[in-house]
Amino acid sequence: MKVLSGSLEDLPPLSSKIVRIFTSSTFTDTTLERNNLMEKVYPRLKDYCREKHGLEFQVVDMRWGVRDEATDDHMTTRLCMQEIENCQRVSMGPNFIVSIA
C-alpha cells in the first residue's frame, strides 16, 4: 500500500536497472509531439531516473531506425514487434508509449 502513496522504501531488489520505452505513433501525424518528447521530456526523465533512482532511461523511436530496405520488404511491423519485445524483456518498469493524433 505504501507504493501507491509514493513510498519506494522496502521494495524487492530490481532485476534490471533499465527503463526502456518504445514510442509508438504514426510517423507523420505526430512529428511535433514526438520531437517535443525527444527534446524536452525524455532528457528530464533520463536525469530523474539516474539522479533519483540510479536507473538508466532508454527510448526506442523507430522513425529513425527503420531502413528503406526494411520498408521495401514490408519488415517494419516485424522490426517494431521485436523492439517491443526487447523493451518488455529489458525494462524494469514501463515499456511502451502510444500517441494518437
PDB file of N, CA and C in Angstrom:
ATOM      1  N   MET A   1       0.821  -1.195   0.000  1.00  0.00           N
ATOM      2  CA  MET A   1       0.000   0.000   0.000  1.00  0.00           C
ATOM      3  C   MET A   1       0.865   1.261   0.000  1.00  0.00           C
ATOM      4  N   LYS A   2       2.063   1.193   0.584  1.00  0.00           N
ATOM      5  CA  LYS A   2       2.944   2.349   0.610  1.00  0.00           C
ATOM      6  C   LYS A   2       3.346   2.797  -0.797  1.00  0.00           C
ATOM      7  N   VAL A   3       3.503   1.844  -1.707  1.00  0.00           N
ATOM      8  CA  VAL A   3       3.901   2.166  -3.074  1.00  0.00           C
ATOM      9  C   VAL A   3       2.855   3.070  -3.729  1.00  0.00           C
ATOM     10  N   LEU A   4       1.581   2.786  -3.490  1.00  0.00           N
ATOM     11  CA  LEU A   4       0.514   3.587  -4.082  1.00  0.00           C
ATOM     12  C   LEU A   4       0.520   5.023  -3.584  1.00  0.00           C
ATOM     13  N   SER A   5       1.077   5.250  -2.417  1.00  0.00           N
ATOM     14  CA  SER A   5       1.149   6.620  -1.894  1.00  0.00           C
ATOM     15  C   SER A   5       2.489   7.277  -2.221  1.00  0.00           C
ATOM     16  N   GLY A   6       3.324   6.604  -3.025  1.00  0.00           N
ATOM     17  CA  GLY A   6       4.575   7.206  -3.486  1.00  0.00           C
ATOM     18  C   GLY A   6       5.813   6.768  -2.730  1.00  0.00           C
ATOM     19  N   SER A   7       5.685   5.915  -1.730  1.00  0.00           N
ATOM     20  CA  SER A   7       6.844   5.448  -0.974  1.00  0.00           C
ATOM     21  C   SER A   7       7.509   4.290  -1.706  1.00  0.00           C
ATOM     22  N   LEU A   8       8.789   4.434  -1.976  1.00  0.00           N
ATOM     23  CA  LEU A   8       9.536   3.387  -2.668  1.00  0.00           C
ATOM     24  C   LEU A   8      10.480   2.653  -1.724  1.00  0.00           C
ATOM     25  N   GLU A   9      10.185   2.697  -0.441  1.00  0.00           N
ATOM     26  CA  GLU A   9      11.012   2.011   0.551  1.00  0.00           C
ATOM     27  C   GLU A   9      10.602   0.545   0.651  1.00  0.00           C
ATOM     28  N   ASP A  10      11.537  -0.289   1.058  1.00  0.00           N
ATOM     29  CA  ASP A  10      11.287  -1.715   1.298  1.00  0.00           C
ATOM     30  C   ASP A  10      10.776  -2.465   0.070  1.00  0.00           C
ATOM     31  N   LEU A  11      11.232  -2.077  -1.101  1.00  0.00           N
ATOM     32  CA  LEU A  11      10.870  -2.795  -2.317  1.00  0.00           C
ATOM     33  C   LEU A  11      11.853  -3.936  -2.535  1.00  0.00           C
ATOM     34  N   PRO A  12      11.417  -5.005  -3.214  1.00  0.00           N
ATOM     35  CA  PRO A  12      12.357  -6.093  -3.509  1.00  0.00           C
ATOM     36  C   PRO A  12      13.434  -5.607  -4.469  1.00  0.00           C
ATOM     37  N   PRO A  13      14.576  -6.277  -4.505  1.00  0.00           N
ATOM     38  CA  PRO A  13      15.651  -5.862  -5.417  1.00  0.00           C
ATOM     39  C   PRO A  13      15.189  -5.889  -6.867  1.00  0.00           C
ATOM     40  N   LEU A  14      15.727  -4.976  -7.649  1.00  0.00           N
ATOM     41  CA  LEU A  14      15.371  -4.874  -9.056  1.00  0.00           C
ATOM     42  C   LEU A  14      16.124  -5.908  -9.869  1.00  0.00           C
ATOM     43  N   SER A  15      15.448  -6.477 -10.855  1.00  0.00           N
ATOM     44  CA  SER A  15      16.107  -7.430 -11.737  1.00  0.00           C
ATOM     45  C   SER A  15      16.874  -6.702 -12.835  1.00  0.00           C
ATOM     46  N   SER A  16      16.548  -5.432 -13.048  1.00  0.00           N
ATOM     47  CA  SER A  16      17.186  -4.633 -14.072  1.00  0.00           C
ATOM     48  C   SER A  16      17.297  -3.199 -13.569  1.00  0.00           C
ATOM     49  N   LYS A  17      18.246  -2.464 -14.081  1.00  0.00           N
ATOM     50  CA  LYS A  17      18.396  -1.055 -13.734  1.00  0.00           C
ATOM     51  C   LYS A  17      18.075  -0.181 -14.942  1.00  0.00           C
ATOM     52  N   ILE A  18      17.248  -0.718 -15.855  1.00  0.00           N
ATOM     53  CA  ILE A  18      16.934  -0.026 -17.103  1.00  0.00           C
ATOM     54  C   ILE A  18      15.426   0.176 -17.223  1.00  0.00           C
ATOM     55  N   VAL A  19      15.050   1.387 -17.608  1.00  0.00           N
ATOM     56  CA  VAL A  19      13.683   1.674 -18.035  1.00  0.00           C
ATOM     57  C   VAL A  19      13.785   1.970 -19.520  1.00  0.00           C
ATOM     58  N   ARG A  20      13.223   1.086 -20.324  1.00  0.00           N
ATOM     59  CA  ARG A  20      13.330   1.200 -21.791  1.00  0.00           C
ATOM     60  C   ARG A  20      11.932   1.345 -22.375  1.00  0.00           C
ATOM     61  N   ILE A  21      11.685   2.471 -23.032  1.00  0.00           N
ATOM     62  CA  ILE A  21      10.363   2.835 -23.533  1.00  0.00           C
ATOM     63  C   ILE A  21      10.327   2.759 -25.058  1.00  0.00           C
ATOM     64  N   PHE A  22       9.330   2.068 -25.594  1.00  0.00           N
ATOM     65  CA  PHE A  22       9.078   2.051 -27.031  1.00  0.00           C
ATOM     66  C   PHE A  22       8.029   3.118 -27.311  1.00  0.00           C
ATOM     67  N   THR A  23       8.338   4.059 -28.194  1.00  0.00           N
ATOM     68  CA  THR A  23       7.409   5.128 -28.548  1.00  0.00           C
ATOM     69  C   THR A  23       6.704   4.744 -29.837  1.00  0.00           C
ATOM     70  N   SER A  24       5.371   4.682 -29.784  1.00  0.00           N
ATOM     71  CA  SER A  24       4.604   4.257 -30.951  1.00  0.00           C
ATOM     72  C   SER A  24       3.574   5.310 -31.327  1.00  0.00           C
ATOM     73  N   SER A  25       3.579   5.687 -32.570  1.00  0.00           N
ATOM     74  CA  SER A  25       2.570   6.577 -33.142  1.00  0.00           C
ATOM     75  C   SER A  25       2.800   6.632 -34.643  1.00  0.00           C
ATOM     76  N   THR A  26       1.909   7.295 -35.338  1.00  0.00           N
ATOM     77  CA  THR A  26       2.149   7.469 -36.755  1.00  0.00           C
ATOM     78  C   THR A  26       3.382   8.345 -36.931  1.00  0.00           C
ATOM     79  N   PHE A  27       4.155   8.100 -37.964  1.00  0.00           N
ATOM     80  CA  PHE A  27       5.401   8.832 -38.150  1.00  0.00           C
ATOM     81  C   PHE A  27       5.189  10.280 -38.557  1.00  0.00           C
ATOM     82  N   THR A  28       4.143  10.552 -39.319  1.00  0.00           N
ATOM     83  CA  THR A  28       3.984  11.902 -39.866  1.00  0.00           C
ATOM     84  C   THR A  28       3.013  12.763 -39.068  1.00  0.00           C
ATOM     85  N   ASP A  29       1.926  12.197 -38.571  1.00  0.00           N
ATOM     86  CA  ASP A  29       0.900  12.989 -37.885  1.00  0.00           C
ATOM     87  C   ASP A  29       1.334  13.511 -36.528  1.00  0.00           C
ATOM     88  N   THR A  30       2.319  12.890 -35.916  1.00  0.00           N
ATOM     89  CA  THR A  30       2.705  13.268 -34.551  1.00  0.00           C
ATOM     90  C   THR A  30       4.143  13.769 -34.485  1.00  0.00           C
ATOM     91  N   THR A  31       4.622  14.349 -35.542  1.00  0.00           N
ATOM     92  CA  THR A  31       6.010  14.827 -35.582  1.00  0.00           C
ATOM     93  C   THR A  31       6.293  15.825 -34.474  1.00  0.00           C
ATOM     94  N   LEU A  32       5.421  16.797 -34.281  1.00  0.00           N
ATOM     95  CA  LEU A  32       5.645  17.810 -33.236  1.00  0.00           C
ATOM     96  C   LEU A  32       5.649  17.184 -31.846  1.00  0.00           C
ATOM     97  N   GLU A  33       4.717  16.280 -31.597  1.00  0.00           N
ATOM     98  CA  GLU A  33       4.648  15.636 -30.284  1.00  0.00           C
ATOM     99  C   GLU A  33       5.889  14.790 -30.012  1.00  0.00           C
ATOM    100  N   ARG A  34       6.298  14.023 -30.993  1.00  0.00           N
ATOM    101  CA  ARG A  34       7.478  13.162 -30.821  1.00  0.00           C
ATOM    102  C   ARG A  34       8.738  14.002 -30.643  1.00  0.00           C
ATOM    103  N   ASN A  35       8.856  15.070 -31.405  1.00  0.00           N
ATOM    104  CA  ASN A  35      10.016  15.955 -31.246  1.00  0.00           C
ATOM    105  C   ASN A  35      10.027  16.571 -29.858  1.00  0.00           C
ATOM    106  N   ASN A  36       8.880  16.972 -29.359  1.00  0.00           N
ATOM    107  CA  ASN A  36       8.799  17.548 -28.017  1.00  0.00           C
ATOM    108  C   ASN A  36       9.205  16.524 -26.956  1.00  0.00           C
ATOM    109  N   LEU A  37       8.744  15.293 -27.108  1.00  0.00           N
ATOM    110  CA  LEU A  37       9.160  14.234 -26.180  1.00  0.00           C
ATOM    111  C   LEU A  37      10.673  14.073 -26.203  1.00  0.00           C
ATOM    112  N   MET A  38      11.249  14.000 -27.404  1.00  0.00           N
ATOM    113  CA  MET A  38      12.694  13.787 -27.533  1.00  0.00           C
ATOM    114  C   MET A  38      13.514  14.964 -27.020  1.00  0.00           C
ATOM    115  N   GLU A  39      13.049  16.176 -27.270  1.00  0.00           N
ATOM    116  CA  GLU A  39      13.835  17.359 -26.913  1.00  0.00           C
ATOM    117  C   GLU A  39      13.630  17.810 -25.478  1.00  0.00           C
ATOM    118  N   LYS A  40      12.424  17.641 -24.931  1.00  0.00           N
ATOM    119  CA  LYS A  40      12.127  18.213 -23.613  1.00  0.00           C
ATOM    120  C   LYS A  40      11.813  17.190 -22.532  1.00  0.00           C
ATOM    121  N   VAL A  41      11.001  16.201 -22.864  1.00  0.00           N
ATOM    122  CA  VAL A  41      10.519  15.276 -21.835  1.00  0.00           C
ATOM    123  C   VAL A  41      11.538  14.186 -21.528  1.00  0.00           C
ATOM    124  N   TYR A  42      12.007  13.482 -22.550  1.00  0.00           N
ATOM    125  CA  TYR A  42      12.901  12.353 -22.319  1.00  0.00           C
ATOM    126  C   TYR A  42      14.213  12.738 -21.629  1.00  0.00           C
ATOM    127  N   PRO A  43      14.843  13.871 -21.983  1.00  0.00           N
ATOM    128  CA  PRO A  43      16.059  14.237 -21.241  1.00  0.00           C
ATOM    129  C   PRO A  43      15.802  14.445 -19.748  1.00  0.00           C
ATOM    130  N   ARG A  44      14.666  15.033 -19.412  1.00  0.00           N
ATOM    131  CA  ARG A  44      14.334  15.231 -17.987  1.00  0.00           C
ATOM    132  C   ARG A  44      14.062  13.904 -17.296  1.00  0.00           C
ATOM    133  N   LEU A  45      13.373  12.990 -17.995  1.00  0.00           N
ATOM    134  CA  LEU A  45      13.141  11.665 -17.428  1.00  0.00           C
ATOM    135  C   LEU A  45      14.454  10.905 -17.245  1.00  0.00           C
ATOM    136  N   LYS A  46      15.358  11.049 -18.204  1.00  0.00           N
ATOM    137  CA  LYS A  46      16.667  10.391 -18.105  1.00  0.00           C
ATOM    138  C   LYS A  46      17.421  10.889 -16.871  1.00  0.00           C
ATOM    139  N   ASP A  47      17.439  12.200 -16.672  1.00  0.00           N
ATOM    140  CA  ASP A  47      18.090  12.778 -15.495  1.00  0.00           C
ATOM    141  C   ASP A  47      17.413  12.317 -14.209  1.00  0.00           C
ATOM    142  N   TYR A  48      16.082  12.351 -14.190  1.00  0.00           N
ATOM    143  CA  TYR A  48      15.337  11.953 -12.998  1.00  0.00           C
ATOM    144  C   TYR A  48      15.615  10.495 -12.639  1.00  0.00           C
ATOM    145  N   CYS A  49      15.536   9.613 -13.620  1.00  0.00           N
ATOM    146  CA  CYS A  49      15.779   8.190 -13.362  1.00  0.00           C
ATOM    147  C   CYS A  49      17.184   7.961 -12.808  1.00  0.00           C
ATOM    148  N   ARG A  50      18.168   8.629 -13.413  1.00  0.00           N
ATOM    149  CA  ARG A  50      19.558   8.447 -12.986  1.00  0.00           C
ATOM    150  C   ARG A  50      19.794   9.044 -11.597  1.00  0.00           C
ATOM    151  N   GLU A  51      19.381  10.295 -11.406  1.00  0.00           N
ATOM    152  CA  GLU A  51      19.695  11.000 -10.166  1.00  0.00           C
ATOM    153  C   GLU A  51      18.888  10.509  -8.964  1.00  0.00           C
ATOM    154  N   LYS A  52      17.628  10.222  -9.158  1.00  0.00           N
ATOM    155  CA  LYS A  52      16.758   9.849  -8.033  1.00  0.00           C
ATOM    156  C   LYS A  52      16.750   8.355  -7.735  1.00  0.00           C
ATOM    157  N   HIS A  53      16.975   7.523  -8.771  1.00  0.00           N
ATOM    158  CA  HIS A  53      16.797   6.092  -8.573  1.00  0.00           C
ATOM    159  C   HIS A  53      17.937   5.234  -9.106  1.00  0.00           C
ATOM    160  N   GLY A  54      18.966   5.860  -9.705  1.00  0.00           N
ATOM    161  CA  GLY A  54      20.095   5.097 -10.227  1.00  0.00           C
ATOM    162  C   GLY A  54      19.730   4.214 -11.404  1.00  0.00           C
ATOM    163  N   LEU A  55      18.736   4.635 -12.185  1.00  0.00           N
ATOM    164  CA  LEU A  55      18.273   3.847 -13.322  1.00  0.00           C
ATOM    165  C   LEU A  55      18.719   4.470 -14.633  1.00  0.00           C
ATOM    166  N   GLU A  56      18.869   3.646 -15.643  1.00  0.00           N
ATOM    167  CA  GLU A  56      19.182   4.120 -16.989  1.00  0.00           C
ATOM    168  C   GLU A  56      17.888   4.192 -17.786  1.00  0.00           C
ATOM    169  N   PHE A  57      17.566   5.353 -18.331  1.00  0.00           N
ATOM    170  CA  PHE A  57      16.361   5.558 -19.132  1.00  0.00           C
ATOM    171  C   PHE A  57      16.731   5.507 -20.605  1.00  0.00           C
ATOM    172  N   GLN A  58      16.066   4.627 -21.352  1.00  0.00           N
ATOM    173  CA  GLN A  58      16.324   4.469 -22.786  1.00  0.00           C
ATOM    174  C   GLN A  58      15.026   4.632 -23.560  1.00  0.00           C
ATOM    175  N   VAL A  59      15.136   5.161 -24.773  1.00  0.00           N
ATOM    176  CA  VAL A  59      13.973   5.350 -25.640  1.00  0.00           C
ATOM    177  C   VAL A  59      14.227   4.669 -26.984  1.00  0.00           C
ATOM    178  N   VAL A  60      13.224   3.955 -27.462  1.00  0.00           N
ATOM    179  CA  VAL A  60      13.264   3.375 -28.800  1.00  0.00           C
ATOM    180  C   VAL A  60      12.208   4.103 -29.620  1.00  0.00           C
ATOM    181  N   ASP A  61      12.650   4.783 -30.659  1.00  0.00           N
ATOM    182  CA  ASP A  61      11.751   5.506 -31.556  1.00  0.00           C
ATOM    183  C   ASP A  61      12.070   5.046 -32.969  1.00  0.00           C
ATOM    184  N   MET A  62      11.219   4.233 -33.537  1.00  0.00           N
ATOM    185  CA  MET A  62      11.516   3.565 -34.805  1.00  0.00           C
ATOM    186  C   MET A  62      11.510   4.490 -36.018  1.00  0.00           C
ATOM    187  N   ARG A  63      11.049   5.715 -35.883  1.00  0.00           N
ATOM    188  CA  ARG A  63      11.050   6.573 -37.075  1.00  0.00           C
ATOM    189  C   ARG A  63      12.471   6.886 -37.521  1.00  0.00           C
ATOM    190  N   TRP A  64      13.454   6.699 -36.625  1.00  0.00           N
ATOM    191  CA  TRP A  64      14.849   6.903 -37.005  1.00  0.00           C
ATOM    192  C   TRP A  64      15.582   5.587 -37.197  1.00  0.00           C
ATOM    193  N   GLY A  65      14.902   4.461 -37.002  1.00  0.00           N
ATOM    194  CA  GLY A  65      15.615   3.203 -37.027  1.00  0.00           C
ATOM    195  C   GLY A  65      15.196   2.221 -38.094  1.00  0.00           C
ATOM    196  N   VAL A  66      14.206   2.539 -38.904  1.00  0.00           N
ATOM    197  CA  VAL A  66      13.764   1.610 -39.932  1.00  0.00           C
ATOM    198  C   VAL A  66      14.394   2.013 -41.251  1.00  0.00           C
ATOM    199  N   ARG A  67      15.216   1.145 -41.792  1.00  0.00           N
ATOM    200  CA  ARG A  67      15.905   1.447 -43.053  1.00  0.00           C
ATOM    201  C   ARG A  67      14.951   1.288 -44.233  1.00  0.00           C
ATOM    202  N   ASP A  68      15.282   1.962 -45.313  1.00  0.00           N
ATOM    203  CA  ASP A  68      14.459   1.888 -46.514  1.00  0.00           C
ATOM    204  C   ASP A  68      14.317   0.452 -47.013  1.00  0.00           C
ATOM    205  N   GLU A  69      15.388  -0.341 -46.880  1.00  0.00           N
ATOM    206  CA  GLU A  69      15.317  -1.730 -47.336  1.00  0.00           C
ATOM    207  C   GLU A  69      14.255  -2.503 -46.561  1.00  0.00           C
ATOM    208  N   ALA A  70      14.141  -2.215 -45.271  1.00  0.00           N
ATOM    209  CA  ALA A  70      13.161  -2.915 -44.436  1.00  0.00           C
ATOM    210  C   ALA A  70      11.740  -2.517 -44.817  1.00  0.00           C
ATOM    211  N   THR A  71      11.537  -1.240 -45.108  1.00  0.00           N
ATOM    212  CA  THR A  71      10.192  -0.823 -45.507  1.00  0.00           C
ATOM    213  C   THR A  71       9.855  -1.385 -46.875  1.00  0.00           C
ATOM    214  N   ASP A  72      10.846  -1.492 -47.748  1.00  0.00           N
ATOM    215  CA  ASP A  72      10.622  -2.084 -49.067  1.00  0.00           C
ATOM    216  C   ASP A  72      10.222  -3.554 -48.946  1.00  0.00           C
ATOM    217  N   ASP A  73      10.778  -4.238 -47.968  1.00  0.00           N
ATOM    218  CA  ASP A  73      10.482  -5.659 -47.763  1.00  0.00           C
ATOM    219  C   ASP A  73       9.313  -5.877 -46.807  1.00  0.00           C
ATOM    220  N   HIS A  74       8.636  -4.816 -46.425  1.00  0.00           N
ATOM    221  CA  HIS A  74       7.494  -4.891 -45.503  1.00  0.00           C
ATOM    222  C   HIS A  74       7.891  -5.499 -44.158  1.00  0.00           C
ATOM    223  N   MET A  75       9.061  -5.140 -43.682  1.00  0.00           N
ATOM    224  CA  MET A  75       9.588  -5.668 -42.427  1.00  0.00           C
ATOM    225  C   MET A  75       9.310  -4.741 -41.246  1.00  0.00           C
ATOM    226  N   THR A  76       8.715  -3.597 -41.479  1.00  0.00           N
ATOM    227  CA  THR A  76       8.539  -2.607 -40.417  1.00  0.00           C
ATOM    228  C   THR A  76       7.794  -3.191 -39.227  1.00  0.00           C
ATOM    229  N   THR A  77       6.700  -3.882 -39.458  1.00  0.00           N
ATOM    230  CA  THR A  77       5.913  -4.446 -38.359  1.00  0.00           C
ATOM    231  C   THR A  77       6.734  -5.447 -37.566  1.00  0.00           C
ATOM    232  N   ARG A  78       7.459  -6.304 -38.256  1.00  0.00           N
ATOM    233  CA  ARG A  78       8.282  -7.304 -37.564  1.00  0.00           C
ATOM    234  C   ARG A  78       9.366  -6.628 -36.717  1.00  0.00           C
ATOM    235  N   LEU A  79      10.018  -5.604 -37.278  1.00  0.00           N
ATOM    236  CA  LEU A  79      11.049  -4.881 -36.531  1.00  0.00           C
ATOM    237  C   LEU A  79      10.472  -4.197 -35.300  1.00  0.00           C
ATOM    238  N   CYS A  80       9.308  -3.582 -35.454  1.00  0.00           N
ATOM    239  CA  CYS A  80       8.666  -2.913 -34.317  1.00  0.00           C
ATOM    240  C   CYS A  80       8.298  -3.926 -33.234  1.00  0.00           C
ATOM    241  N   MET A  81       7.746  -5.058 -33.633  1.00  0.00           N
ATOM    242  CA  MET A  81       7.374  -6.086 -32.656  1.00  0.00           C
ATOM    243  C   MET A  81       8.604  -6.626 -31.924  1.00  0.00           C
ATOM    244  N   GLN A  82       9.707  -6.780 -32.627  1.00  0.00           N
ATOM    245  CA  GLN A  82      10.942  -7.231 -31.976  1.00  0.00           C
ATOM    246  C   GLN A  82      11.419  -6.213 -30.949  1.00  0.00           C
ATOM    247  N   GLU A  83      11.339  -4.931 -31.297  1.00  0.00           N
ATOM    248  CA  GLU A  83      11.770  -3.896 -30.354  1.00  0.00           C
ATOM    249  C   GLU A  83      10.837  -3.807 -29.147  1.00  0.00           C
ATOM    250  N   ILE A  84       9.539  -3.991 -29.358  1.00  0.00           N
ATOM    251  CA  ILE A  84       8.599  -4.009 -28.232  1.00  0.00           C
ATOM    252  C   ILE A  84       8.943  -5.158 -27.299  1.00  0.00           C
ATOM    253  N   GLU A  85       9.204  -6.334 -27.866  1.00  0.00           N
ATOM    254  CA  GLU A  85       9.586  -7.487 -27.049  1.00  0.00           C
ATOM    255  C   GLU A  85      10.885  -7.214 -26.291  1.00  0.00           C
ATOM    256  N   ASN A  86      11.851  -6.566 -26.929  1.00  0.00           N
ATOM    257  CA  ASN A  86      13.099  -6.203 -26.247  1.00  0.00           C
ATOM    258  C   ASN A  86      12.819  -5.266 -25.075  1.00  0.00           C
ATOM    259  N   CYS A  87      11.970  -4.284 -25.297  1.00  0.00           N
ATOM    260  CA  CYS A  87      11.642  -3.341 -24.219  1.00  0.00           C
ATOM    261  C   CYS A  87      10.954  -4.061 -23.062  1.00  0.00           C
ATOM    262  N   GLN A  88      10.039  -4.966 -23.368  1.00  0.00           N
ATOM    263  CA  GLN A  88       9.346  -5.718 -22.321  1.00  0.00           C
ATOM    264  C   GLN A  88      10.321  -6.596 -21.545  1.00  0.00           C
ATOM    265  N   ARG A  89      11.274  -7.162 -22.225  1.00  0.00           N
ATOM    266  CA  ARG A  89      12.242  -8.048 -21.584  1.00  0.00           C
ATOM    267  C   ARG A  89      13.234  -7.279 -20.717  1.00  0.00           C
ATOM    268  N   VAL A  90      13.703  -6.132 -21.215  1.00  0.00           N
ATOM    269  CA  VAL A  90      14.784  -5.396 -20.565  1.00  0.00           C
ATOM    270  C   VAL A  90      14.285  -4.435 -19.497  1.00  0.00           C
ATOM    271  N   SER A  91      13.160  -3.783 -19.747  1.00  0.00           N
ATOM    272  CA  SER A  91      12.722  -2.705 -18.865  1.00  0.00           C
ATOM    273  C   SER A  91      12.204  -3.251 -17.529  1.00  0.00           C
ATOM    274  N   MET A  92      12.616  -2.588 -16.467  1.00  0.00           N
ATOM    275  CA  MET A  92      12.152  -2.995 -15.147  1.00  0.00           C
ATOM    276  C   MET A  92      10.808  -2.354 -14.795  1.00  0.00           C
ATOM    277  N   GLY A  93      10.274  -1.533 -15.678  1.00  0.00           N
ATOM    278  CA  GLY A  93       9.009  -0.862 -15.416  1.00  0.00           C
ATOM    279  C   GLY A  93       8.261  -0.605 -16.705  1.00  0.00           C
ATOM    280  N   PRO A  94       7.766   0.604 -16.875  1.00  0.00           N
ATOM    281  CA  PRO A  94       7.022   0.923 -18.088  1.00  0.00           C
ATOM    282  C   PRO A  94       7.871   0.635 -19.324  1.00  0.00           C
ATOM    283  N   ASN A  95       7.196   0.242 -20.425  1.00  0.00           N
ATOM    284  CA  ASN A  95       7.986  -0.106 -21.607  1.00  0.00           C
ATOM    285  C   ASN A  95       7.333   0.307 -22.920  1.00  0.00           C
ATOM    286  N   PHE A  96       6.210   1.033 -22.878  1.00  0.00           N
ATOM    287  CA  PHE A  96       5.503   1.342 -24.112  1.00  0.00           C
ATOM    288  C   PHE A  96       4.725   2.633 -23.970  1.00  0.00           C
ATOM    289  N   ILE A  97       4.841   3.515 -24.957  1.00  0.00           N
ATOM    290  CA  ILE A  97       4.047   4.747 -25.017  1.00  0.00           C
ATOM    291  C   ILE A  97       3.417   4.821 -26.390  1.00  0.00           C
ATOM    292  N   VAL A  98       2.125   5.098 -26.446  1.00  0.00           N
ATOM    293  CA  VAL A  98       1.442   5.248 -27.729  1.00  0.00           C
ATOM    294  C   VAL A  98       0.844   6.647 -27.784  1.00  0.00           C
ATOM    295  N   SER A  99       0.924   7.255 -28.960  1.00  0.00           N
ATOM    296  CA  SER A  99       0.367   8.587 -29.161  1.00  0.00           C
ATOM    297  C   SER A  99      -0.501   8.555 -30.404  1.00  0.00           C
ATOM    298  N   ILE A 100      -1.721   9.056 -30.259  1.00  0.00           N
ATOM    299  CA  ILE A 100      -2.650   9.085 -31.367  1.00  0.00           C
ATOM    300  C   ILE A 100      -3.008  10.537 -31.661  1.00  0.00           C
ATOM    301  N   ALA A 101      -2.849  10.924 -32.911  1.00  0.00           N
ATOM    302  CA  ALA A 101      -3.145  12.309 -33.276  1.00  0.00           C
ATOM    303  C   ALA A 101      -4.610  12.473 -33.589  1.00  0.00           C
TER     304      ALA A 101
END
